[in-house]
């Protein structure tokens, strides 16, 4: 049996997905006191059926650290999304097997916006994305991208995330957002 979060996210993703039954599972949830700051660490995966036999593929993942009101400042009430990834966006294989890129994008968008809604509903007030561009040190979950594609993928990822956050503002899931595309060193 999955958590209430998994059930809520599954409902949202299923209503948005165009192909194949999708299921969202919180496959890992631990309480950590790392660094003297209590928080929850969650690994959330989306699985989608891709054939008549009901076989599933892992198509998206979100990994987050949630700091509730009991955490000391400045972490109190914040969530840090460490990883947000999906299988490569490409047309379905011959015969309609496998996830389609457009559906994967809808699933990933719905997962993110629904998770942000959950975070807001449980009292988390700030969300930080610490999703580095894919590199040899930080490959994506689903595929290692060639060197030439990494810069393009990172730029596309930033634009995609900004579109999602603008949608979250329009839907009143978040109040506002800011983007620091060039983080300060030090």
N, C-alpha and C. Protein backbone atom coordinates (compact mmCIF):
# COMPACT_ATOMS: atom_id res chain seq x y z
N UNK A 1 0.85 -1.18 0.00
CA UNK A 1 0.00 0.00 0.00
C UNK A 1 0.90 1.24 0.00
N UNK A 2 0.55 2.20 -0.82
CA UNK A 2 1.35 3.40 -0.95
C UNK A 2 0.86 4.48 0.01
N UNK A 3 1.63 5.53 0.14
CA UNK A 3 1.31 6.63 1.04
C UNK A 3 0.20 7.50 0.45
N UNK A 4 -0.34 8.38 1.30
CA UNK A 4 -1.36 9.32 0.82
C UNK A 4 -0.78 10.23 -0.25
N UNK A 5 0.49 10.59 -0.12
CA UNK A 5 1.13 11.40 -1.14
C UNK A 5 1.17 10.65 -2.46
N UNK A 6 1.58 9.38 -2.43
CA UNK A 6 1.62 8.57 -3.65
C UNK A 6 0.25 8.44 -4.29
N UNK A 7 -0.77 8.24 -3.47
CA UNK A 7 -2.14 8.12 -4.00
C UNK A 7 -2.60 9.43 -4.63
N UNK A 8 -2.31 10.56 -3.98
CA UNK A 8 -2.73 11.86 -4.51
C UNK A 8 -2.00 12.17 -5.82
N UNK A 9 -0.70 11.89 -5.86
CA UNK A 9 0.06 12.14 -7.08
C UNK A 9 -0.38 11.21 -8.20
N UNK A 10 -0.70 9.96 -7.86
CA UNK A 10 -1.19 9.01 -8.86
C UNK A 10 -2.48 9.53 -9.48
N UNK A 11 -3.40 10.01 -8.67
CA UNK A 11 -4.67 10.54 -9.19
C UNK A 11 -4.44 11.68 -10.16
N UNK A 12 -3.55 12.59 -9.81
CA UNK A 12 -3.27 13.73 -10.68
C UNK A 12 -2.61 13.28 -11.98
N UNK A 13 -1.61 12.41 -11.88
CA UNK A 13 -0.89 11.97 -13.08
C UNK A 13 -1.80 11.14 -13.98
N UNK A 14 -2.62 10.27 -13.40
CA UNK A 14 -3.52 9.46 -14.24
C UNK A 14 -4.52 10.32 -14.99
N UNK A 15 -4.99 11.39 -14.36
CA UNK A 15 -5.96 12.24 -15.05
C UNK A 15 -5.29 13.02 -16.18
N UNK A 16 -3.99 13.21 -16.12
CA UNK A 16 -3.28 13.98 -17.14
C UNK A 16 -2.67 13.11 -18.24
N UNK A 17 -2.26 11.89 -17.90
CA UNK A 17 -1.58 11.02 -18.87
C UNK A 17 -2.53 10.63 -20.00
N UNK A 18 -1.99 10.63 -21.19
CA UNK A 18 -2.81 10.31 -22.37
C UNK A 18 -2.73 8.84 -22.75
N UNK A 19 -1.64 8.18 -22.37
CA UNK A 19 -1.42 6.79 -22.78
C UNK A 19 -0.97 5.99 -21.57
N UNK A 20 -1.50 4.82 -21.42
CA UNK A 20 -1.03 3.91 -20.38
C UNK A 20 -1.33 4.38 -18.97
N UNK A 21 -1.71 3.45 -18.14
CA UNK A 21 -2.01 3.72 -16.74
C UNK A 21 -0.71 4.07 -16.01
N UNK A 22 -0.71 5.20 -15.31
CA UNK A 22 0.47 5.63 -14.57
C UNK A 22 0.23 5.45 -13.07
N UNK A 23 1.29 5.10 -12.35
CA UNK A 23 1.24 4.95 -10.91
C UNK A 23 2.43 5.67 -10.31
N UNK A 24 2.17 6.48 -9.29
CA UNK A 24 3.24 7.20 -8.59
C UNK A 24 3.44 6.53 -7.25
N UNK A 25 4.69 6.22 -6.95
CA UNK A 25 5.01 5.57 -5.68
C UNK A 25 6.10 6.35 -4.96
N UNK A 26 5.89 6.55 -3.66
CA UNK A 26 6.94 7.09 -2.80
C UNK A 26 7.74 5.87 -2.39
N UNK A 27 8.83 5.60 -3.12
CA UNK A 27 9.58 4.37 -2.92
C UNK A 27 10.59 4.48 -1.80
N UNK A 28 10.85 5.67 -1.37
CA UNK A 28 11.76 5.86 -0.25
C UNK A 28 11.39 7.10 0.52
N UNK A 29 11.18 6.96 1.82
CA UNK A 29 10.92 8.11 2.67
C UNK A 29 11.60 7.85 4.00
N UNK A 30 12.57 8.66 4.31
CA UNK A 30 13.30 8.50 5.56
C UNK A 30 13.34 9.84 6.29
N UNK A 31 13.52 9.75 7.59
CA UNK A 31 13.72 10.95 8.40
C UNK A 31 15.21 11.00 8.71
N UNK A 32 15.79 12.13 8.45
CA UNK A 32 17.23 12.29 8.63
C UNK A 32 17.50 13.47 9.56
N UNK A 33 18.60 13.38 10.27
CA UNK A 33 19.05 14.48 11.13
C UNK A 33 20.45 14.91 10.69
N UNK A 34 20.74 14.66 9.41
CA UNK A 34 22.05 14.99 8.86
C UNK A 34 22.33 16.47 9.01
N UNK A 35 23.48 16.79 9.50
CA UNK A 35 23.86 18.19 9.70
C UNK A 35 23.14 18.84 10.87
N UNK A 36 22.52 18.03 11.75
CA UNK A 36 21.83 18.58 12.91
C UNK A 36 20.51 19.26 12.56
N UNK A 37 19.99 18.97 11.39
CA UNK A 37 18.76 19.61 10.92
C UNK A 37 17.75 18.52 10.53
N UNK A 38 16.69 18.30 11.33
CA UNK A 38 15.74 17.23 11.01
C UNK A 38 14.98 17.51 9.72
N UNK A 39 14.86 16.48 8.88
CA UNK A 39 14.12 16.63 7.63
C UNK A 39 13.75 15.26 7.07
N UNK A 40 12.82 15.27 6.12
CA UNK A 40 12.40 14.05 5.43
C UNK A 40 13.05 14.03 4.06
N UNK A 41 13.48 12.84 3.66
CA UNK A 41 14.05 12.64 2.33
C UNK A 41 13.10 11.71 1.59
N UNK A 42 12.63 12.15 0.41
CA UNK A 42 11.66 11.36 -0.34
C UNK A 42 12.16 11.07 -1.75
N UNK A 43 11.97 9.83 -2.18
CA UNK A 43 12.21 9.43 -3.57
C UNK A 43 10.85 9.04 -4.14
N UNK A 44 10.42 9.76 -5.16
CA UNK A 44 9.10 9.57 -5.75
C UNK A 44 9.28 9.16 -7.21
N UNK A 45 8.74 8.00 -7.58
CA UNK A 45 8.91 7.46 -8.92
C UNK A 45 7.55 7.32 -9.60
N UNK A 46 7.53 7.55 -10.91
CA UNK A 46 6.33 7.35 -11.72
C UNK A 46 6.58 6.15 -12.64
N UNK A 47 5.66 5.19 -12.58
CA UNK A 47 5.70 4.01 -13.44
C UNK A 47 4.51 4.09 -14.39
N UNK A 48 4.71 3.68 -15.63
CA UNK A 48 3.62 3.72 -16.61
C UNK A 48 3.53 2.39 -17.35
N UNK A 49 2.29 1.88 -17.46
CA UNK A 49 2.06 0.67 -18.25
C UNK A 49 2.31 1.00 -19.71
N UNK A 50 2.94 0.06 -20.41
CA UNK A 50 3.25 0.32 -21.81
C UNK A 50 2.75 -0.75 -22.77
N UNK A 51 2.08 -1.78 -22.24
CA UNK A 51 1.53 -2.79 -23.16
C UNK A 51 0.28 -3.41 -22.54
N UNK A 52 -0.36 -4.28 -23.28
CA UNK A 52 -1.62 -4.89 -22.83
C UNK A 52 -1.43 -5.85 -21.66
N UNK A 53 -0.20 -6.34 -21.47
CA UNK A 53 0.08 -7.26 -20.37
C UNK A 53 0.23 -6.53 -19.03
N UNK A 54 0.27 -5.20 -19.06
CA UNK A 54 0.39 -4.42 -17.83
C UNK A 54 1.82 -4.22 -17.35
N UNK A 55 2.80 -4.51 -18.21
CA UNK A 55 4.19 -4.27 -17.84
C UNK A 55 4.41 -2.77 -17.67
N UNK A 56 5.24 -2.41 -16.71
CA UNK A 56 5.47 -1.00 -16.41
C UNK A 56 6.92 -0.60 -16.65
N UNK A 57 7.08 0.66 -16.99
CA UNK A 57 8.41 1.28 -17.11
C UNK A 57 8.50 2.42 -16.11
N UNK A 58 9.69 2.60 -15.57
CA UNK A 58 9.95 3.78 -14.76
C UNK A 58 10.14 4.94 -15.73
N UNK A 59 9.29 5.97 -15.65
CA UNK A 59 9.35 7.06 -16.62
C UNK A 59 9.76 8.40 -16.02
N UNK A 60 9.65 8.57 -14.70
CA UNK A 60 10.02 9.85 -14.10
C UNK A 60 10.36 9.65 -12.63
N UNK A 61 11.15 10.58 -12.10
CA UNK A 61 11.56 10.51 -10.70
C UNK A 61 11.74 11.91 -10.13
N UNK A 62 11.46 12.04 -8.85
CA UNK A 62 11.67 13.28 -8.12
C UNK A 62 12.28 12.90 -6.77
N UNK A 63 13.33 13.60 -6.38
CA UNK A 63 14.02 13.32 -5.11
C UNK A 63 14.06 14.63 -4.34
N UNK A 64 13.53 14.64 -3.11
CA UNK A 64 13.40 15.90 -2.37
C UNK A 64 13.77 15.74 -0.90
N UNK A 65 14.22 16.85 -0.33
CA UNK A 65 14.46 16.98 1.11
C UNK A 65 13.45 17.99 1.63
N UNK A 66 12.63 17.58 2.61
CA UNK A 66 11.60 18.46 3.18
C UNK A 66 11.96 18.83 4.61
N UNK A 67 12.04 20.13 4.87
CA UNK A 67 12.36 20.65 6.20
C UNK A 67 11.11 21.30 6.78
N UNK A 68 10.52 20.68 7.79
CA UNK A 68 9.31 21.20 8.40
C UNK A 68 9.58 22.35 9.35
N UNK A 69 8.55 22.77 10.08
CA UNK A 69 8.69 23.92 10.98
C UNK A 69 9.65 23.66 12.15
N UNK A 70 9.90 22.38 12.46
CA UNK A 70 10.81 22.05 13.57
C UNK A 70 12.28 22.24 13.21
N UNK A 71 12.58 22.40 11.94
CA UNK A 71 13.96 22.62 11.50
C UNK A 71 14.39 24.04 11.87
N UNK A 72 15.67 24.21 12.19
CA UNK A 72 16.13 25.56 12.54
C UNK A 72 16.20 26.46 11.29
N UNK A 73 16.12 27.78 11.50
CA UNK A 73 16.28 28.70 10.38
C UNK A 73 17.69 28.55 9.80
N UNK A 74 17.91 28.75 8.56
CA UNK A 74 16.94 29.21 7.55
C UNK A 74 16.23 28.07 6.84
N UNK A 75 16.40 26.82 7.31
CA UNK A 75 15.83 25.68 6.60
C UNK A 75 14.36 25.44 6.87
N UNK A 76 13.83 25.95 7.97
CA UNK A 76 12.45 25.67 8.36
C UNK A 76 11.47 26.02 7.23
N UNK A 77 10.57 25.08 6.94
CA UNK A 77 9.53 25.32 5.96
C UNK A 77 9.98 25.27 4.52
N UNK A 78 11.10 24.62 4.26
CA UNK A 78 11.63 24.60 2.90
C UNK A 78 11.72 23.18 2.36
N UNK A 79 11.61 23.08 1.03
CA UNK A 79 11.84 21.82 0.35
C UNK A 79 12.91 22.07 -0.70
N UNK A 80 13.85 21.13 -0.79
CA UNK A 80 14.92 21.20 -1.78
C UNK A 80 14.73 20.03 -2.74
N UNK A 81 14.45 20.33 -3.99
CA UNK A 81 14.32 19.28 -4.99
C UNK A 81 15.70 19.05 -5.57
N UNK A 82 16.24 17.87 -5.27
CA UNK A 82 17.60 17.52 -5.67
C UNK A 82 17.66 16.91 -7.06
N UNK A 83 16.58 16.24 -7.46
CA UNK A 83 16.58 15.58 -8.75
C UNK A 83 15.16 15.54 -9.29
N UNK A 84 15.02 15.89 -10.54
CA UNK A 84 13.77 15.79 -11.26
C UNK A 84 14.15 15.33 -12.65
N UNK A 85 13.76 14.12 -13.01
CA UNK A 85 14.23 13.55 -14.26
C UNK A 85 13.16 12.66 -14.87
N UNK A 86 13.27 12.46 -16.17
CA UNK A 86 12.35 11.58 -16.89
C UNK A 86 13.14 10.82 -17.94
N UNK A 87 12.52 9.74 -18.42
CA UNK A 87 13.17 9.01 -19.50
C UNK A 87 13.29 9.93 -20.70
N UNK A 88 14.23 9.68 -21.58
CA UNK A 88 14.41 10.57 -22.73
C UNK A 88 13.11 10.74 -23.52
N UNK A 89 12.85 11.96 -23.93
CA UNK A 89 11.64 12.26 -24.67
C UNK A 89 11.84 11.90 -26.13
N UNK A 90 11.13 10.88 -26.59
CA UNK A 90 11.24 10.45 -27.98
C UNK A 90 9.94 9.78 -28.37
N UNK A 91 9.67 9.67 -29.67
CA UNK A 91 8.43 9.01 -30.11
C UNK A 91 8.39 7.56 -29.64
N UNK A 92 7.19 7.05 -29.50
CA UNK A 92 7.03 5.65 -29.09
C UNK A 92 7.64 4.73 -30.14
N UNK A 93 8.12 3.61 -29.69
CA UNK A 93 8.72 2.63 -30.60
C UNK A 93 7.66 2.07 -31.54
N UNK A 94 8.10 1.35 -32.54
CA UNK A 94 7.18 0.76 -33.50
C UNK A 94 6.12 -0.06 -32.78
N UNK A 95 4.91 0.04 -33.24
CA UNK A 95 3.83 -0.71 -32.62
C UNK A 95 3.26 -0.04 -31.39
N UNK A 96 3.69 1.18 -31.10
CA UNK A 96 3.14 1.91 -29.96
C UNK A 96 3.71 1.50 -28.62
N UNK A 97 4.78 0.72 -28.60
CA UNK A 97 5.38 0.28 -27.34
C UNK A 97 6.22 1.40 -26.75
N UNK A 98 6.23 1.52 -25.46
CA UNK A 98 7.08 2.49 -24.78
C UNK A 98 6.41 3.84 -24.61
N UNK A 99 6.94 4.66 -23.71
CA UNK A 99 6.33 5.97 -23.45
C UNK A 99 6.59 6.93 -24.60
N UNK A 100 5.64 7.79 -24.86
CA UNK A 100 5.81 8.83 -25.88
C UNK A 100 6.36 10.07 -25.20
N UNK A 101 7.15 10.82 -25.94
CA UNK A 101 7.76 12.02 -25.39
C UNK A 101 6.76 13.03 -24.90
N UNK A 102 5.67 13.26 -25.68
CA UNK A 102 4.69 14.25 -25.26
C UNK A 102 3.99 13.82 -23.98
N UNK A 103 3.72 12.53 -23.83
CA UNK A 103 3.07 12.04 -22.62
C UNK A 103 4.03 12.10 -21.44
N UNK A 104 5.28 11.79 -21.66
CA UNK A 104 6.27 11.87 -20.58
C UNK A 104 6.38 13.30 -20.07
N UNK A 105 6.35 14.26 -20.97
CA UNK A 105 6.40 15.66 -20.56
C UNK A 105 5.18 16.03 -19.71
N UNK A 106 4.00 15.57 -20.12
CA UNK A 106 2.79 15.83 -19.34
C UNK A 106 2.90 15.19 -17.97
N UNK A 107 3.40 13.96 -17.91
CA UNK A 107 3.55 13.26 -16.64
C UNK A 107 4.53 14.00 -15.73
N UNK A 108 5.68 14.40 -16.26
CA UNK A 108 6.68 15.10 -15.45
C UNK A 108 6.15 16.45 -14.97
N UNK A 109 5.47 17.18 -15.83
CA UNK A 109 4.88 18.47 -15.44
C UNK A 109 3.85 18.29 -14.34
N UNK A 110 2.98 17.29 -14.51
CA UNK A 110 1.94 17.03 -13.51
C UNK A 110 2.55 16.58 -12.19
N UNK A 111 3.57 15.74 -12.25
CA UNK A 111 4.26 15.30 -11.03
C UNK A 111 4.81 16.51 -10.28
N UNK A 112 5.51 17.38 -10.98
CA UNK A 112 6.11 18.54 -10.34
C UNK A 112 5.06 19.46 -9.74
N UNK A 113 4.06 19.85 -10.53
CA UNK A 113 3.05 20.79 -10.04
C UNK A 113 2.24 20.19 -8.89
N UNK A 114 1.93 18.90 -8.98
CA UNK A 114 1.18 18.25 -7.89
C UNK A 114 2.02 18.12 -6.64
N UNK A 115 3.31 17.86 -6.79
CA UNK A 115 4.18 17.80 -5.62
C UNK A 115 4.30 19.19 -4.97
N UNK A 116 4.43 20.25 -5.78
CA UNK A 116 4.48 21.60 -5.22
C UNK A 116 3.19 21.93 -4.47
N UNK A 117 2.05 21.48 -5.00
CA UNK A 117 0.76 21.68 -4.30
C UNK A 117 0.79 20.96 -2.96
N UNK A 118 1.26 19.70 -2.93
CA UNK A 118 1.38 18.95 -1.69
C UNK A 118 2.27 19.70 -0.70
N UNK A 119 3.43 20.16 -1.16
CA UNK A 119 4.37 20.85 -0.28
C UNK A 119 3.72 22.08 0.33
N UNK A 120 3.01 22.83 -0.49
CA UNK A 120 2.31 24.02 0.03
C UNK A 120 1.26 23.61 1.06
N UNK A 121 0.50 22.56 0.76
CA UNK A 121 -0.58 22.13 1.64
C UNK A 121 -0.09 21.64 3.00
N UNK A 122 1.14 21.11 3.07
CA UNK A 122 1.67 20.65 4.36
C UNK A 122 2.47 21.74 5.07
N UNK A 123 2.44 22.95 4.53
CA UNK A 123 3.04 24.09 5.23
C UNK A 123 4.46 24.44 4.82
N UNK A 124 4.98 23.82 3.78
CA UNK A 124 6.31 24.21 3.30
C UNK A 124 6.14 25.50 2.51
N UNK A 125 6.97 26.48 2.78
CA UNK A 125 6.76 27.81 2.23
C UNK A 125 7.72 28.20 1.11
N UNK A 126 8.83 27.49 0.98
CA UNK A 126 9.82 27.80 -0.05
C UNK A 126 10.29 26.51 -0.71
N UNK A 127 10.51 26.58 -2.00
CA UNK A 127 11.04 25.44 -2.73
C UNK A 127 12.30 25.88 -3.48
N UNK A 128 13.34 25.09 -3.34
CA UNK A 128 14.60 25.37 -4.02
C UNK A 128 14.91 24.19 -4.93
N UNK A 129 15.30 24.50 -6.15
CA UNK A 129 15.69 23.45 -7.09
C UNK A 129 17.20 23.42 -7.14
N UNK A 130 17.75 22.31 -6.74
CA UNK A 130 19.20 22.13 -6.80
C UNK A 130 19.49 20.99 -7.76
N UNK A 131 19.00 21.15 -8.96
CA UNK A 131 19.14 20.11 -9.98
C UNK A 131 20.27 20.54 -10.90
N UNK A 132 21.46 19.98 -10.72
CA UNK A 132 22.57 20.39 -11.57
C UNK A 132 22.42 19.84 -12.98
N UNK A 133 23.02 20.52 -13.96
CA UNK A 133 23.00 19.96 -15.31
C UNK A 133 23.71 18.61 -15.33
N UNK A 134 23.31 17.70 -16.19
CA UNK A 134 23.97 16.39 -16.26
C UNK A 134 25.45 16.52 -16.59
N UNK A 135 26.27 15.76 -15.89
CA UNK A 135 27.71 15.74 -16.15
C UNK A 135 28.23 14.36 -15.78
N UNK A 136 29.53 14.14 -15.94
CA UNK A 136 30.08 12.85 -15.53
C UNK A 136 29.91 12.64 -14.03
N UNK A 137 30.00 13.73 -13.26
CA UNK A 137 29.87 13.63 -11.81
C UNK A 137 28.41 13.49 -11.39
N UNK A 138 27.48 14.09 -12.14
CA UNK A 138 26.07 14.04 -11.79
C UNK A 138 25.25 13.63 -13.00
N UNK A 139 25.33 12.36 -13.41
CA UNK A 139 24.54 11.92 -14.57
C UNK A 139 23.06 11.91 -14.22
N UNK A 140 22.23 11.93 -15.24
CA UNK A 140 20.81 11.83 -15.00
C UNK A 140 20.47 10.41 -14.58
N UNK A 141 19.30 10.22 -14.07
CA UNK A 141 18.88 8.90 -13.62
C UNK A 141 18.76 7.95 -14.80
N UNK A 142 18.21 8.44 -15.90
CA UNK A 142 17.81 7.55 -16.97
C UNK A 142 18.84 7.37 -18.07
N UNK A 143 19.64 8.36 -18.36
CA UNK A 143 20.62 8.19 -19.42
C UNK A 143 21.73 9.22 -19.29
N UNK A 144 22.91 8.80 -19.62
CA UNK A 144 24.04 9.72 -19.64
C UNK A 144 24.04 10.39 -21.00
N UNK A 145 24.05 11.70 -21.00
CA UNK A 145 24.00 12.44 -22.25
C UNK A 145 25.42 12.70 -22.75
N UNK A 146 25.62 12.67 -24.07
CA UNK A 146 26.94 12.97 -24.61
C UNK A 146 27.34 14.41 -24.29
N UNK A 147 28.63 14.65 -24.25
CA UNK A 147 29.16 15.97 -23.89
C UNK A 147 28.50 17.10 -24.67
N UNK A 148 28.36 16.93 -25.99
CA UNK A 148 27.78 17.99 -26.81
C UNK A 148 26.34 18.30 -26.49
N UNK A 149 25.62 17.33 -25.95
CA UNK A 149 24.20 17.53 -25.66
C UNK A 149 23.96 18.11 -24.27
N UNK A 150 24.97 18.12 -23.41
CA UNK A 150 24.76 18.55 -22.02
C UNK A 150 24.40 20.03 -21.90
N UNK A 151 25.08 20.88 -22.66
CA UNK A 151 24.78 22.32 -22.58
C UNK A 151 23.38 22.58 -23.09
N UNK A 152 23.01 21.95 -24.19
CA UNK A 152 21.67 22.13 -24.75
C UNK A 152 20.63 21.59 -23.77
N UNK A 153 20.88 20.42 -23.19
CA UNK A 153 19.94 19.82 -22.24
C UNK A 153 19.77 20.71 -21.01
N UNK A 154 20.85 21.28 -20.51
CA UNK A 154 20.76 22.16 -19.34
C UNK A 154 19.95 23.41 -19.66
N UNK A 155 20.20 24.01 -20.80
CA UNK A 155 19.46 25.22 -21.19
C UNK A 155 17.98 24.90 -21.38
N UNK A 156 17.68 23.79 -22.04
CA UNK A 156 16.29 23.38 -22.22
C UNK A 156 15.63 23.10 -20.88
N UNK A 157 16.37 22.47 -19.97
CA UNK A 157 15.85 22.17 -18.63
C UNK A 157 15.49 23.42 -17.86
N UNK A 158 16.33 24.43 -17.94
CA UNK A 158 16.04 25.70 -17.26
C UNK A 158 14.77 26.33 -17.83
N UNK A 159 14.67 26.37 -19.16
CA UNK A 159 13.46 26.95 -19.78
C UNK A 159 12.22 26.15 -19.42
N UNK A 160 12.32 24.81 -19.42
CA UNK A 160 11.19 23.97 -19.05
C UNK A 160 10.75 24.25 -17.62
N UNK A 161 11.71 24.31 -16.70
CA UNK A 161 11.39 24.55 -15.30
C UNK A 161 10.75 25.92 -15.12
N UNK A 162 11.24 26.92 -15.82
CA UNK A 162 10.64 28.25 -15.72
C UNK A 162 9.20 28.23 -16.23
N UNK A 163 8.92 27.49 -17.31
CA UNK A 163 7.54 27.36 -17.81
C UNK A 163 6.65 26.70 -16.75
N UNK A 164 7.19 25.67 -16.09
CA UNK A 164 6.41 24.99 -15.05
C UNK A 164 6.11 25.92 -13.88
N UNK A 165 7.09 26.72 -13.50
CA UNK A 165 6.89 27.63 -12.38
C UNK A 165 5.93 28.76 -12.74
N UNK A 166 5.97 29.23 -13.98
CA UNK A 166 4.98 30.23 -14.41
C UNK A 166 3.58 29.62 -14.35
N UNK A 167 3.44 28.35 -14.76
CA UNK A 167 2.15 27.67 -14.66
C UNK A 167 1.72 27.54 -13.20
N UNK A 168 2.66 27.24 -12.32
CA UNK A 168 2.34 27.11 -10.89
C UNK A 168 1.86 28.45 -10.32
N UNK A 169 2.42 29.55 -10.78
CA UNK A 169 1.95 30.88 -10.34
C UNK A 169 0.53 31.10 -10.87
N UNK A 170 0.29 30.81 -12.16
CA UNK A 170 -1.06 30.99 -12.74
C UNK A 170 -2.10 30.15 -12.00
N UNK A 171 -1.71 28.94 -11.59
CA UNK A 171 -2.62 28.04 -10.89
C UNK A 171 -2.70 28.34 -9.39
N UNK A 172 -1.95 29.33 -8.95
CA UNK A 172 -1.90 29.75 -7.54
C UNK A 172 -1.37 28.65 -6.62
N UNK A 173 -0.51 27.80 -7.17
CA UNK A 173 0.17 26.80 -6.36
C UNK A 173 1.32 27.47 -5.63
N UNK A 174 2.01 28.36 -6.32
CA UNK A 174 3.08 29.16 -5.70
C UNK A 174 2.75 30.63 -5.88
N UNK A 175 3.27 31.43 -4.98
CA UNK A 175 3.03 32.88 -5.03
C UNK A 175 3.91 33.53 -6.07
N UNK A 176 5.18 33.16 -6.08
CA UNK A 176 6.13 33.75 -7.02
C UNK A 176 7.37 32.86 -7.09
N UNK A 177 8.26 33.18 -8.02
CA UNK A 177 9.53 32.47 -8.09
C UNK A 177 10.58 33.42 -8.63
N UNK A 178 11.82 33.08 -8.32
CA UNK A 178 12.94 33.83 -8.88
C UNK A 178 13.94 32.81 -9.40
N UNK A 179 14.74 33.26 -10.34
CA UNK A 179 15.71 32.36 -10.96
C UNK A 179 17.08 32.97 -10.86
N UNK A 180 17.99 32.20 -10.27
CA UNK A 180 19.39 32.62 -10.20
C UNK A 180 20.14 31.70 -11.14
N UNK A 181 20.18 32.10 -12.42
CA UNK A 181 20.80 31.24 -13.43
C UNK A 181 22.32 31.21 -13.30
N UNK A 182 22.88 32.18 -12.61
CA UNK A 182 24.33 32.25 -12.45
C UNK A 182 24.65 32.32 -10.96
N UNK A 183 24.59 31.17 -10.26
CA UNK A 183 24.83 31.19 -8.82
C UNK A 183 26.20 31.75 -8.47
N UNK A 184 26.23 32.46 -7.36
CA UNK A 184 27.48 33.03 -6.89
C UNK A 184 28.38 31.94 -6.34
N UNK A 185 29.65 32.10 -6.54
CA UNK A 185 30.63 31.14 -6.01
C UNK A 185 30.94 31.51 -4.56
N UNK A 186 31.28 30.49 -3.79
CA UNK A 186 31.73 30.76 -2.43
C UNK A 186 30.72 30.42 -1.47
